[in-house]
Amino acid sequence: MSGGTVTVLGLVVLAVGGAALELTAHRRSDRPSAGQAIGAAMRTTPGRVAVLAVWLWLGIHFLAR
């Protein structure tokens, strides 16, 4: 397998896992959804810095090419 194939498979696994977690969160009220988790992170300064860092990383790696 080439490195590109492994990368794509890894991203697919992460996307499917994230979707499964989001569906579980919407079915069970004891688990926060992605929006609720990001909202909780944005209430603190370190959380805002972390969210900004993730957005920067995503932008540099996926949108700048």
Protein backbone atom coordinates (compact mmCIF):
# COMPACT_ATOMS: atom_id res chain seq x y z
CA MET A 1 0.00 0.00 0.00
CA SER A 2 1.26 3.47 -0.78
CA GLY A 3 1.44 6.27 1.76
CA GLY A 4 -1.41 8.16 0.09
CA THR A 5 -3.71 5.16 0.34
CA VAL A 6 -2.95 4.74 4.03
CA THR A 7 -3.64 8.44 4.62
CA VAL A 8 -6.98 8.31 2.84
CA LEU A 9 -8.00 5.16 4.72
CA GLY A 10 -7.02 6.81 8.00
CA LEU A 11 -9.13 9.88 7.22
CA VAL A 12 -12.08 7.68 6.27
CA VAL A 13 -11.78 5.78 9.56
CA LEU A 14 -11.69 9.09 11.49
CA ALA A 15 -14.72 10.43 9.60
CA VAL A 16 -16.77 7.27 10.19
CA GLY A 17 -15.78 7.25 13.87
CA GLY A 18 -16.73 10.91 14.25
CA ALA A 19 -20.08 10.32 12.58
CA ALA A 20 -20.74 7.35 14.85
CA LEU A 21 -19.93 9.42 17.94
CA GLU A 22 -22.20 12.23 16.75
CA LEU A 23 -25.08 9.82 16.11
CA THR A 24 -24.58 8.29 19.55
CA ALA A 25 -24.61 11.76 21.12
CA HIS A 26 -27.91 12.61 19.46
CA ARG A 27 -29.53 9.36 20.59
CA ARG A 28 -28.31 9.48 24.20
CA SER A 29 -28.65 12.64 26.26
CA ASP A 30 -25.69 11.86 28.55
CA ARG A 31 -23.11 12.43 25.77
CA PRO A 32 -22.37 15.90 24.36
CA SER A 33 -22.57 16.47 20.62
CA ALA A 34 -19.68 18.03 18.71
CA GLY A 35 -21.37 21.43 18.83
CA GLN A 36 -21.85 21.23 22.58
CA ALA A 37 -18.23 20.15 23.10
CA ILE A 38 -16.90 23.02 20.99
CA GLY A 39 -19.24 25.43 22.78
CA ALA A 40 -17.89 24.27 26.14
CA ALA A 41 -14.30 24.65 24.90
CA MET A 42 -15.00 28.19 23.68
CA ARG A 43 -15.93 29.32 27.21
CA THR A 44 -12.30 29.30 28.34
CA THR A 45 -9.22 31.01 26.92
CA PRO A 46 -7.18 27.79 26.54
CA GLY A 47 -10.18 26.20 24.82
CA ARG A 48 -10.41 29.11 22.38
CA VAL A 49 -6.70 28.79 21.63
CA ALA A 50 -7.12 25.04 21.01
CA VAL A 51 -10.10 25.58 18.69
CA LEU A 52 -8.15 28.26 16.80
CA ALA A 53 -5.13 25.96 16.50
CA VAL A 54 -7.30 23.16 15.07
CA TRP A 55 -8.88 25.53 12.54
CA LEU A 56 -5.45 26.83 11.53
CA TRP A 57 -4.09 23.30 11.11
CA LEU A 58 -7.09 22.27 9.01
CA GLY A 59 -6.81 25.40 6.88
CA ILE A 60 -3.10 25.00 6.25
CA HIS A 61 -3.30 21.30 5.46
CA PHE A 62 -6.51 21.09 3.46
CA LEU A 63 -7.45 24.52 2.11
CA ALA A 64 -4.10 26.16 1.29
CA ARG A 65 -3.07 23.68 -1.40
